Amino acid sequence: MPTRFDCRYGGAMEMDDYQQAALRTARDKDAPDEFMHLVLGLVGEAGEIAEKVKKLVRDKGSDLAQLDRDDMAAELGDVLWYAAVLANFLDLSFDEVARRNVAKLADRQRRGVLSGSGDRR
């Protein structure tokens, strides 16, 4: 069953639908160094989120009321784009990636190991 999320602009959107939409603006899979481009892009966009939070801590006393949510939404969208395109590069359905992540977290919650460290807890 596809993973459906409510889309602010036009109803529900499945993860695979988003992935296909993202791919319309992606380079070809066989572009030179495309894997490295996607991984570094994902990390870079996540870093932009961290940078905004760092400045919130440094300049605004960690006051979340002063966080620019529109900027954060834009950066999270960029992270989502890179994740979707990277999943496609690896021949992974974004629906399947989302389902597996939710199942993993539900299993950890059931076993009482949400906190802690280690990928295989």
N, C-alpha and C. Protein backbone atom coordinates (compact mmCIF):
# COMPACT_ATOMS: atom_id res chain seq x y z
N MET A 1 0.85 -1.18 0.00
CA MET A 1 0.00 0.00 0.00
C MET A 1 0.89 1.24 0.00
N PRO A 2 0.64 2.19 -0.90
CA PRO A 2 1.44 3.41 -0.96
C PRO A 2 1.31 4.24 0.31
N THR A 3 2.36 4.95 0.65
CA THR A 3 2.36 5.84 1.80
C THR A 3 1.81 7.18 1.34
N ARG A 4 0.70 7.62 1.94
CA ARG A 4 0.06 8.87 1.54
C ARG A 4 0.22 9.93 2.62
N PHE A 5 0.50 11.15 2.18
CA PHE A 5 0.62 12.28 3.07
C PHE A 5 -0.23 13.41 2.51
N ASP A 6 -0.80 14.22 3.39
CA ASP A 6 -1.57 15.36 2.90
C ASP A 6 -0.63 16.39 2.32
N CYS A 7 -0.95 16.83 1.13
CA CYS A 7 -0.15 17.84 0.44
C CYS A 7 -0.87 19.18 0.57
N ARG A 8 -0.17 20.18 1.07
CA ARG A 8 -0.76 21.49 1.30
C ARG A 8 -1.37 22.07 0.02
N TYR A 9 -0.79 21.73 -1.11
CA TYR A 9 -1.24 22.30 -2.38
C TYR A 9 -1.85 21.21 -3.24
N GLY A 10 -3.05 20.76 -2.90
CA GLY A 10 -3.74 19.86 -3.80
C GLY A 10 -4.04 18.47 -3.25
N GLY A 11 -4.23 18.32 -1.95
CA GLY A 11 -4.64 17.03 -1.41
C GLY A 11 -3.47 16.13 -1.06
N ALA A 12 -3.77 14.85 -0.98
CA ALA A 12 -2.76 13.87 -0.56
C ALA A 12 -1.76 13.61 -1.68
N MET A 13 -0.54 13.31 -1.29
CA MET A 13 0.51 12.96 -2.25
C MET A 13 1.22 11.72 -1.71
N GLU A 14 1.40 10.76 -2.58
CA GLU A 14 2.16 9.58 -2.21
C GLU A 14 3.64 9.87 -2.38
N MET A 15 4.43 9.18 -1.58
CA MET A 15 5.87 9.40 -1.64
C MET A 15 6.42 9.13 -3.04
N ASP A 16 5.96 8.07 -3.68
CA ASP A 16 6.44 7.77 -5.03
C ASP A 16 6.02 8.85 -6.02
N ASP A 17 4.85 9.46 -5.81
CA ASP A 17 4.43 10.57 -6.67
C ASP A 17 5.40 11.74 -6.51
N TYR A 18 5.77 12.03 -5.26
CA TYR A 18 6.75 13.09 -5.02
C TYR A 18 8.07 12.74 -5.70
N GLN A 19 8.49 11.49 -5.54
CA GLN A 19 9.76 11.07 -6.13
C GLN A 19 9.74 11.28 -7.64
N GLN A 20 8.66 10.91 -8.29
CA GLN A 20 8.57 11.08 -9.73
C GLN A 20 8.58 12.56 -10.11
N ALA A 21 7.91 13.39 -9.32
CA ALA A 21 7.92 14.84 -9.58
C ALA A 21 9.33 15.40 -9.41
N ALA A 22 10.03 14.96 -8.37
CA ALA A 22 11.40 15.43 -8.14
C ALA A 22 12.31 15.04 -9.29
N LEU A 23 12.11 13.86 -9.82
CA LEU A 23 12.97 13.37 -10.89
C LEU A 23 12.86 14.21 -12.16
N ARG A 24 11.77 14.96 -12.31
CA ARG A 24 11.62 15.81 -13.49
C ARG A 24 12.68 16.93 -13.51
N THR A 25 13.24 17.23 -12.35
CA THR A 25 14.25 18.30 -12.28
C THR A 25 15.63 17.75 -11.94
N ALA A 26 15.80 16.44 -11.99
CA ALA A 26 17.08 15.81 -11.65
C ALA A 26 17.92 15.56 -12.90
N ARG A 27 19.21 15.44 -12.69
CA ARG A 27 20.11 15.04 -13.77
C ARG A 27 19.89 13.56 -14.07
N ASP A 28 20.41 13.11 -15.20
CA ASP A 28 20.35 11.69 -15.54
C ASP A 28 21.15 10.88 -14.54
N LYS A 29 20.70 9.66 -14.29
CA LYS A 29 21.41 8.77 -13.37
C LYS A 29 22.85 8.53 -13.81
N ASP A 30 23.07 8.55 -15.12
CA ASP A 30 24.42 8.26 -15.62
C ASP A 30 25.28 9.52 -15.78
N ALA A 31 24.83 10.64 -15.22
CA ALA A 31 25.66 11.85 -15.25
C ALA A 31 26.94 11.57 -14.46
N PRO A 32 28.05 12.17 -14.87
CA PRO A 32 29.32 11.92 -14.18
C PRO A 32 29.21 12.22 -12.68
N ASP A 33 29.68 11.29 -11.87
CA ASP A 33 29.72 11.45 -10.41
C ASP A 33 28.35 11.75 -9.80
N GLU A 34 27.28 11.25 -10.41
CA GLU A 34 25.94 11.59 -9.92
C GLU A 34 25.71 11.11 -8.49
N PHE A 35 26.19 9.95 -8.13
CA PHE A 35 26.01 9.46 -6.77
C PHE A 35 26.63 10.44 -5.77
N MET A 36 27.87 10.83 -6.02
CA MET A 36 28.55 11.77 -5.12
C MET A 36 27.82 13.11 -5.10
N HIS A 37 27.35 13.57 -6.25
CA HIS A 37 26.60 14.82 -6.32
C HIS A 37 25.38 14.77 -5.41
N LEU A 38 24.64 13.66 -5.46
CA LEU A 38 23.42 13.54 -4.67
C LEU A 38 23.71 13.43 -3.18
N VAL A 39 24.70 12.64 -2.80
CA VAL A 39 25.04 12.49 -1.39
C VAL A 39 25.53 13.82 -0.82
N LEU A 40 26.41 14.49 -1.54
CA LEU A 40 26.93 15.77 -1.06
C LEU A 40 25.84 16.84 -1.03
N GLY A 41 24.93 16.80 -2.00
CA GLY A 41 23.81 17.73 -1.99
C GLY A 41 22.91 17.52 -0.79
N LEU A 42 22.63 16.27 -0.46
CA LEU A 42 21.80 15.95 0.70
C LEU A 42 22.45 16.46 1.99
N VAL A 43 23.73 16.17 2.14
CA VAL A 43 24.45 16.61 3.33
C VAL A 43 24.53 18.14 3.38
N GLY A 44 24.74 18.76 2.24
CA GLY A 44 24.81 20.22 2.18
C GLY A 44 23.51 20.87 2.60
N GLU A 45 22.40 20.34 2.12
CA GLU A 45 21.10 20.92 2.48
C GLU A 45 20.80 20.70 3.96
N ALA A 46 21.14 19.52 4.49
CA ALA A 46 20.97 19.28 5.93
C ALA A 46 21.86 20.25 6.71
N GLY A 47 23.04 20.53 6.18
CA GLY A 47 23.93 21.50 6.81
C GLY A 47 23.34 22.90 6.81
N GLU A 48 22.60 23.26 5.78
CA GLU A 48 21.95 24.58 5.76
C GLU A 48 20.91 24.69 6.87
N ILE A 49 20.22 23.59 7.16
CA ILE A 49 19.28 23.58 8.28
C ILE A 49 20.04 23.78 9.58
N ALA A 50 21.13 23.03 9.74
CA ALA A 50 21.94 23.17 10.95
C ALA A 50 22.47 24.58 11.11
N GLU A 51 22.87 25.20 10.02
CA GLU A 51 23.39 26.57 10.06
C GLU A 51 22.33 27.55 10.54
N LYS A 52 21.09 27.39 10.07
CA LYS A 52 20.00 28.26 10.52
C LYS A 52 19.74 28.08 12.01
N VAL A 53 19.80 26.84 12.47
CA VAL A 53 19.59 26.58 13.90
C VAL A 53 20.75 27.13 14.72
N LYS A 54 21.98 26.98 14.21
CA LYS A 54 23.15 27.54 14.90
C LYS A 54 22.98 29.04 15.10
N LYS A 55 22.52 29.73 14.07
CA LYS A 55 22.33 31.18 14.17
C LYS A 55 21.19 31.53 15.12
N LEU A 56 20.19 30.68 15.21
CA LEU A 56 19.10 30.87 16.17
C LEU A 56 19.66 30.78 17.59
N VAL A 57 20.54 29.81 17.82
CA VAL A 57 21.17 29.64 19.13
C VAL A 57 22.09 30.82 19.42
N ARG A 58 22.95 31.14 18.47
CA ARG A 58 23.96 32.19 18.66
C ARG A 58 23.36 33.58 18.79
N ASP A 59 22.40 33.90 17.92
CA ASP A 59 21.92 35.27 17.81
C ASP A 59 20.58 35.54 18.50
N LYS A 60 19.83 34.49 18.77
CA LYS A 60 18.46 34.71 19.27
C LYS A 60 18.14 33.88 20.50
N GLY A 61 19.19 33.45 21.21
CA GLY A 61 19.00 32.75 22.47
C GLY A 61 18.17 31.48 22.37
N SER A 62 18.24 30.82 21.23
CA SER A 62 17.49 29.56 21.00
C SER A 62 15.98 29.74 21.07
N ASP A 63 15.51 30.95 20.84
CA ASP A 63 14.07 31.24 20.91
C ASP A 63 13.37 30.72 19.66
N LEU A 64 12.71 29.58 19.80
CA LEU A 64 12.05 28.96 18.64
C LEU A 64 10.97 29.85 18.03
N ALA A 65 10.43 30.78 18.79
CA ALA A 65 9.43 31.70 18.24
C ALA A 65 10.04 32.57 17.13
N GLN A 66 11.37 32.72 17.15
CA GLN A 66 12.04 33.54 16.15
C GLN A 66 12.57 32.73 14.96
N LEU A 67 12.33 31.44 14.97
CA LEU A 67 12.75 30.59 13.86
C LEU A 67 11.91 30.90 12.63
N ASP A 68 12.56 31.12 11.50
CA ASP A 68 11.85 31.40 10.25
C ASP A 68 11.37 30.08 9.67
N ARG A 69 10.11 29.76 9.89
CA ARG A 69 9.55 28.49 9.47
C ARG A 69 9.45 28.37 7.95
N ASP A 70 9.29 29.48 7.27
CA ASP A 70 9.28 29.42 5.81
C ASP A 70 10.65 29.02 5.27
N ASP A 71 11.71 29.58 5.85
CA ASP A 71 13.07 29.18 5.45
C ASP A 71 13.30 27.70 5.75
N MET A 72 12.85 27.26 6.93
CA MET A 72 13.04 25.86 7.30
C MET A 72 12.26 24.95 6.35
N ALA A 73 11.06 25.33 5.98
CA ALA A 73 10.27 24.53 5.05
C ALA A 73 10.98 24.42 3.70
N ALA A 74 11.57 25.51 3.25
CA ALA A 74 12.29 25.48 1.97
C ALA A 74 13.50 24.55 2.06
N GLU A 75 14.25 24.64 3.15
CA GLU A 75 15.43 23.77 3.29
C GLU A 75 15.02 22.31 3.46
N LEU A 76 13.97 22.05 4.22
CA LEU A 76 13.49 20.67 4.36
C LEU A 76 13.03 20.12 3.01
N GLY A 77 12.44 20.97 2.20
CA GLY A 77 12.06 20.56 0.85
C GLY A 77 13.26 20.17 0.02
N ASP A 78 14.35 20.91 0.17
CA ASP A 78 15.57 20.57 -0.56
C ASP A 78 16.14 19.23 -0.08
N VAL A 79 16.10 18.99 1.23
CA VAL A 79 16.54 17.70 1.77
C VAL A 79 15.67 16.59 1.20
N LEU A 80 14.37 16.81 1.18
CA LEU A 80 13.44 15.82 0.65
C LEU A 80 13.74 15.51 -0.82
N TRP A 81 14.00 16.55 -1.61
CA TRP A 81 14.31 16.37 -3.03
C TRP A 81 15.54 15.48 -3.19
N TYR A 82 16.62 15.83 -2.49
CA TYR A 82 17.83 15.03 -2.62
C TYR A 82 17.60 13.59 -2.15
N ALA A 83 16.85 13.40 -1.07
CA ALA A 83 16.57 12.04 -0.58
C ALA A 83 15.78 11.25 -1.61
N ALA A 84 14.80 11.88 -2.23
CA ALA A 84 13.98 11.20 -3.23
C ALA A 84 14.80 10.81 -4.45
N VAL A 85 15.63 11.71 -4.93
CA VAL A 85 16.43 11.45 -6.13
C VAL A 85 17.53 10.43 -5.82
N LEU A 86 18.13 10.52 -4.63
CA LEU A 86 19.13 9.54 -4.23
C LEU A 86 18.51 8.15 -4.11
N ALA A 87 17.33 8.06 -3.54
CA ALA A 87 16.65 6.77 -3.46
C ALA A 87 16.43 6.19 -4.86
N ASN A 88 16.00 7.03 -5.79
CA ASN A 88 15.81 6.57 -7.17
C ASN A 88 17.13 6.10 -7.77
N PHE A 89 18.21 6.84 -7.52
CA PHE A 89 19.52 6.44 -8.03
C PHE A 89 19.86 5.02 -7.57
N LEU A 90 19.47 4.71 -6.34
CA LEU A 90 19.74 3.39 -5.75
C LEU A 90 18.64 2.38 -6.06
N ASP A 91 17.74 2.75 -6.99
CA ASP A 91 16.61 1.89 -7.39
C ASP A 91 15.71 1.54 -6.22
N LEU A 92 15.48 2.53 -5.34
CA LEU A 92 14.59 2.36 -4.21
C LEU A 92 13.34 3.21 -4.40
N SER A 93 12.20 2.62 -4.16
CA SER A 93 10.94 3.35 -4.15
C SER A 93 10.90 4.23 -2.90
N PHE A 94 10.51 5.49 -3.05
CA PHE A 94 10.42 6.39 -1.89
C PHE A 94 9.32 5.92 -0.95
N ASP A 95 8.23 5.37 -1.50
CA ASP A 95 7.19 4.77 -0.66
C ASP A 95 7.80 3.68 0.22
N GLU A 96 8.62 2.82 -0.37
CA GLU A 96 9.22 1.72 0.38
C GLU A 96 10.19 2.24 1.44
N VAL A 97 10.97 3.26 1.11
CA VAL A 97 11.89 3.85 2.08
C VAL A 97 11.09 4.39 3.27
N ALA A 98 10.00 5.10 2.99
CA ALA A 98 9.17 5.67 4.06
C ALA A 98 8.53 4.56 4.90
N ARG A 99 7.98 3.55 4.25
CA ARG A 99 7.35 2.44 4.97
C ARG A 99 8.34 1.73 5.88
N ARG A 100 9.53 1.45 5.34
CA ARG A 100 10.55 0.76 6.13
C ARG A 100 10.98 1.58 7.33
N ASN A 101 11.09 2.90 7.16
CA ASN A 101 11.49 3.75 8.27
C ASN A 101 10.43 3.78 9.36
N VAL A 102 9.16 3.91 8.97
CA VAL A 102 8.08 3.93 9.96
C VAL A 102 8.01 2.58 10.69
N ALA A 103 8.18 1.49 9.96
CA ALA A 103 8.15 0.16 10.59
C ALA A 103 9.32 0.00 11.56
N LYS A 104 10.51 0.47 11.17
CA LYS A 104 11.69 0.38 12.04
C LYS A 104 11.45 1.14 13.34
N LEU A 105 10.92 2.36 13.24
CA LEU A 105 10.69 3.17 14.42
C LEU A 105 9.58 2.58 15.30
N ALA A 106 8.53 2.04 14.68
CA ALA A 106 7.46 1.40 15.45
C ALA A 106 8.00 0.19 16.20
N ASP A 107 8.88 -0.57 15.56
CA ASP A 107 9.49 -1.73 16.21
C ASP A 107 10.35 -1.29 17.39
N ARG A 108 11.13 -0.25 17.21
CA ARG A 108 11.96 0.26 18.32
C ARG A 108 11.08 0.74 19.47
N GLN A 109 9.99 1.41 19.12
CA GLN A 109 9.08 1.90 20.16
C GLN A 109 8.47 0.72 20.92
N ARG A 110 8.04 -0.29 20.21
CA ARG A 110 7.45 -1.48 20.82
C ARG A 110 8.42 -2.16 21.77
N ARG A 111 9.70 -2.19 21.39
CA ARG A 111 10.73 -2.83 22.21
C ARG A 111 11.34 -1.88 23.24
N GLY A 112 10.91 -0.60 23.26
CA GLY A 112 11.40 0.36 24.23
C GLY A 112 12.83 0.82 23.99
N VAL A 113 13.25 0.86 22.71
CA VAL A 113 14.62 1.27 22.41
C VAL A 113 14.67 2.45 21.43
N LEU A 114 13.68 3.34 21.52
CA LEU A 114 13.72 4.52 20.65
C LEU A 114 14.93 5.39 20.96
N SER A 115 15.22 5.57 22.24
CA SER A 115 16.42 6.33 22.58
C SER A 115 17.60 5.38 22.62
N GLY A 116 18.76 5.94 22.69
CA GLY A 116 19.96 5.10 22.66
C GLY A 116 20.71 5.34 21.38
N SER A 117 21.63 4.45 21.08
CA SER A 117 22.43 4.62 19.87
C SER A 117 22.60 3.28 19.17
N GLY A 118 23.01 3.36 17.94
CA GLY A 118 23.22 2.15 17.14
C GLY A 118 22.11 1.97 16.13
N ASP A 119 22.51 1.66 14.91
CA ASP A 119 21.54 1.50 13.84
C ASP A 119 20.68 0.26 14.01
N ARG A 120 21.22 -0.77 14.63
CA ARG A 120 20.54 -2.07 14.69
C ARG A 120 19.99 -2.37 16.09
N ARG A 121 19.56 -1.36 16.81
CA ARG A 121 19.03 -1.61 18.17
C ARG A 121 17.61 -2.10 18.17
